[in-house]
Amino acid sequence: MREEGCMQHQNAFSGDSPAAATSRTAQLQTALRQAILLRETGPKSAAWHRARMQTIWRLHRLLEAARRNELDA
């Protein structure tokens, strides 16, 4: 599943330094912001909107995990 691949990718960052974790958080925030802004410029099909929403929630979960990792470090 795609979700499992993302979680494995995320787990690779769990041992990173605090600076790398902050960089990862900034990258995720930027990606999330861009996905949200695509509402205005992206296609209007229901399938595209559904995929966009799944991406937004996936990025949100990854961002929360990255923030928890920052607190643990």
N, C-alpha and C. Protein backbone atom coordinates (compact mmCIF):
# COMPACT_ATOMS: atom_id res chain seq x y z
N MET A 1 0.82 -1.18 0.00
CA MET A 1 0.00 0.00 0.00
C MET A 1 0.86 1.25 0.00
N ARG A 2 0.37 2.29 -0.58
CA ARG A 2 1.09 3.54 -0.63
C ARG A 2 1.30 4.11 0.77
N GLU A 3 0.29 4.01 1.61
CA GLU A 3 0.36 4.52 2.97
C GLU A 3 1.51 3.86 3.74
N GLU A 4 1.66 2.55 3.60
CA GLU A 4 2.72 1.84 4.29
C GLU A 4 4.08 2.32 3.84
N GLY A 5 4.23 2.58 2.55
CA GLY A 5 5.50 3.10 2.03
C GLY A 5 5.83 4.45 2.63
N CYS A 6 4.82 5.27 2.80
CA CYS A 6 5.02 6.60 3.40
C CYS A 6 5.45 6.46 4.86
N MET A 7 4.83 5.53 5.57
CA MET A 7 5.18 5.36 6.96
C MET A 7 6.59 4.83 7.10
N GLN A 8 7.01 3.94 6.20
CA GLN A 8 8.38 3.45 6.23
C GLN A 8 9.33 4.59 5.94
N HIS A 9 8.98 5.44 4.99
CA HIS A 9 9.80 6.60 4.66
C HIS A 9 9.89 7.52 5.87
N GLN A 10 8.78 7.73 6.55
CA GLN A 10 8.75 8.59 7.72
C GLN A 10 9.64 8.03 8.82
N ASN A 11 9.60 6.71 9.03
CA ASN A 11 10.38 6.10 10.08
C ASN A 11 11.87 6.28 9.87
N ALA A 12 12.28 6.46 8.64
CA ALA A 12 13.70 6.69 8.35
C ALA A 12 14.17 8.00 8.96
N PHE A 13 13.25 8.93 9.23
CA PHE A 13 13.62 10.23 9.77
C PHE A 13 13.60 10.25 11.29
N SER A 14 13.13 9.21 11.94
CA SER A 14 12.96 9.23 13.38
C SER A 14 14.29 9.36 14.14
N GLY A 15 15.39 8.94 13.55
CA GLY A 15 16.67 9.03 14.22
C GLY A 15 17.48 10.25 13.83
N ASP A 16 16.90 11.16 13.06
CA ASP A 16 17.62 12.34 12.60
C ASP A 16 17.89 13.31 13.74
N SER A 17 18.85 14.19 13.50
CA SER A 17 19.18 15.23 14.46
C SER A 17 18.03 16.24 14.56
N PRO A 18 17.99 17.05 15.62
CA PRO A 18 16.93 18.07 15.75
C PRO A 18 16.89 19.04 14.57
N ALA A 19 18.07 19.41 14.04
CA ALA A 19 18.11 20.32 12.89
C ALA A 19 17.48 19.67 11.67
N ALA A 20 17.77 18.40 11.46
CA ALA A 20 17.18 17.68 10.33
C ALA A 20 15.69 17.52 10.51
N ALA A 21 15.25 17.29 11.76
CA ALA A 21 13.82 17.16 12.03
C ALA A 21 13.10 18.48 11.75
N THR A 22 13.72 19.60 12.11
CA THR A 22 13.13 20.90 11.83
C THR A 22 13.05 21.12 10.33
N SER A 23 14.09 20.73 9.62
CA SER A 23 14.09 20.85 8.17
C SER A 23 12.97 19.99 7.58
N ARG A 24 12.81 18.78 8.11
CA ARG A 24 11.75 17.88 7.65
C ARG A 24 10.37 18.51 7.92
N THR A 25 10.21 19.12 9.08
CA THR A 25 8.96 19.78 9.42
C THR A 25 8.68 20.92 8.45
N ALA A 26 9.70 21.70 8.13
CA ALA A 26 9.54 22.81 7.19
C ALA A 26 9.16 22.30 5.80
N GLN A 27 9.78 21.20 5.38
CA GLN A 27 9.46 20.61 4.08
C GLN A 27 8.01 20.13 4.04
N LEU A 28 7.58 19.49 5.11
CA LEU A 28 6.20 19.00 5.17
C LEU A 28 5.20 20.15 5.20
N GLN A 29 5.52 21.21 5.94
CA GLN A 29 4.64 22.38 5.98
C GLN A 29 4.50 23.01 4.61
N THR A 30 5.60 23.10 3.88
CA THR A 30 5.56 23.67 2.53
C THR A 30 4.74 22.79 1.60
N ALA A 31 4.94 21.48 1.67
CA ALA A 31 4.18 20.57 0.82
C ALA A 31 2.69 20.63 1.14
N LEU A 32 2.36 20.71 2.42
CA LEU A 32 0.96 20.79 2.84
C LEU A 32 0.33 22.09 2.34
N ARG A 33 1.04 23.19 2.49
CA ARG A 33 0.54 24.49 2.02
C ARG A 33 0.28 24.46 0.51
N GLN A 34 1.20 23.85 -0.23
CA GLN A 34 1.03 23.77 -1.68
C GLN A 34 -0.17 22.90 -2.06
N ALA A 35 -0.37 21.80 -1.34
CA ALA A 35 -1.51 20.93 -1.63
C ALA A 35 -2.83 21.65 -1.35
N ILE A 36 -2.85 22.44 -0.30
CA ILE A 36 -4.05 23.20 0.02
C ILE A 36 -4.33 24.25 -1.05
N LEU A 37 -3.29 24.93 -1.50
CA LEU A 37 -3.46 25.98 -2.51
C LEU A 37 -3.85 25.43 -3.88
N LEU A 38 -3.59 24.15 -4.13
CA LEU A 38 -3.96 23.56 -5.41
C LEU A 38 -5.47 23.56 -5.65
N ARG A 39 -6.23 23.79 -4.61
CA ARG A 39 -7.69 23.86 -4.77
C ARG A 39 -8.08 24.91 -5.79
N GLU A 40 -7.36 26.01 -5.78
CA GLU A 40 -7.68 27.12 -6.67
C GLU A 40 -7.22 26.88 -8.11
N THR A 41 -6.12 26.15 -8.28
CA THR A 41 -5.52 26.06 -9.61
C THR A 41 -5.61 24.67 -10.24
N GLY A 42 -5.94 23.67 -9.42
CA GLY A 42 -5.94 22.30 -9.93
C GLY A 42 -7.21 21.95 -10.68
N PRO A 43 -7.24 20.75 -11.24
CA PRO A 43 -8.45 20.26 -11.94
C PRO A 43 -9.64 20.23 -10.99
N LYS A 44 -10.83 20.22 -11.54
CA LYS A 44 -12.03 20.28 -10.72
C LYS A 44 -12.76 18.95 -10.61
N SER A 45 -12.19 17.87 -11.11
CA SER A 45 -12.87 16.57 -11.07
C SER A 45 -12.93 16.05 -9.63
N ALA A 46 -13.95 15.25 -9.36
CA ALA A 46 -14.13 14.68 -8.03
C ALA A 46 -12.97 13.75 -7.66
N ALA A 47 -12.49 12.99 -8.63
CA ALA A 47 -11.38 12.07 -8.37
C ALA A 47 -10.11 12.85 -7.98
N TRP A 48 -9.86 13.93 -8.67
CA TRP A 48 -8.68 14.74 -8.36
C TRP A 48 -8.82 15.36 -6.98
N HIS A 49 -9.99 15.85 -6.65
CA HIS A 49 -10.22 16.45 -5.33
C HIS A 49 -10.04 15.39 -4.23
N ARG A 50 -10.54 14.18 -4.45
CA ARG A 50 -10.40 13.10 -3.48
C ARG A 50 -8.92 12.77 -3.26
N ALA A 51 -8.15 12.68 -4.33
CA ALA A 51 -6.71 12.39 -4.22
C ALA A 51 -6.00 13.52 -3.49
N ARG A 52 -6.39 14.75 -3.77
CA ARG A 52 -5.80 15.92 -3.11
C ARG A 52 -6.07 15.88 -1.61
N MET A 53 -7.30 15.55 -1.24
CA MET A 53 -7.66 15.48 0.18
C MET A 53 -6.90 14.36 0.88
N GLN A 54 -6.73 13.23 0.23
CA GLN A 54 -5.95 12.14 0.81
C GLN A 54 -4.50 12.57 1.02
N THR A 55 -3.97 13.31 0.07
CA THR A 55 -2.60 13.82 0.19
C THR A 55 -2.49 14.80 1.34
N ILE A 56 -3.46 15.69 1.48
CA ILE A 56 -3.45 16.67 2.57
C ILE A 56 -3.45 15.95 3.92
N TRP A 57 -4.31 14.97 4.10
CA TRP A 57 -4.37 14.26 5.37
C TRP A 57 -3.11 13.45 5.63
N ARG A 58 -2.55 12.85 4.57
CA ARG A 58 -1.30 12.11 4.73
C ARG A 58 -0.18 13.05 5.17
N LEU A 59 -0.08 14.22 4.53
CA LEU A 59 0.95 15.19 4.91
C LEU A 59 0.72 15.70 6.34
N HIS A 60 -0.53 15.87 6.70
CA HIS A 60 -0.85 16.31 8.05
C HIS A 60 -0.37 15.28 9.09
N ARG A 61 -0.62 14.00 8.82
CA ARG A 61 -0.16 12.95 9.73
C ARG A 61 1.36 12.92 9.80
N LEU A 62 2.04 13.05 8.67
CA LEU A 62 3.50 13.07 8.66
C LEU A 62 4.05 14.28 9.41
N LEU A 63 3.40 15.42 9.27
CA LEU A 63 3.82 16.63 9.96
C LEU A 63 3.66 16.47 11.47
N GLU A 64 2.55 15.91 11.90
CA GLU A 64 2.36 15.66 13.34
C GLU A 64 3.42 14.72 13.88
N ALA A 65 3.74 13.67 13.13
CA ALA A 65 4.78 12.73 13.55
C ALA A 65 6.14 13.42 13.63
N ALA A 66 6.44 14.27 12.67
CA ALA A 66 7.71 14.99 12.67
C ALA A 66 7.78 15.93 13.87
N ARG A 67 6.67 16.57 14.21
CA ARG A 67 6.66 17.46 15.37
C ARG A 67 6.84 16.67 16.66
N ARG A 68 6.22 15.48 16.75
CA ARG A 68 6.42 14.64 17.94
C ARG A 68 7.89 14.22 18.05
N ASN A 69 8.51 13.90 16.92
CA ASN A 69 9.91 13.52 16.93
C ASN A 69 10.80 14.67 17.39
N GLU A 70 10.43 15.91 17.03
CA GLU A 70 11.18 17.07 17.49
C GLU A 70 11.11 17.19 19.00
N LEU A 71 9.93 16.95 19.56
CA LEU A 71 9.76 17.07 21.00
C LEU A 71 10.53 15.97 21.74
N ASP A 72 10.62 14.80 21.13
CA ASP A 72 11.33 13.69 21.74
C ASP A 72 12.85 13.87 21.68
N ALA A 73 13.33 14.61 20.72
CA ALA A 73 14.77 14.77 20.52
C ALA A 73 15.37 15.75 21.52
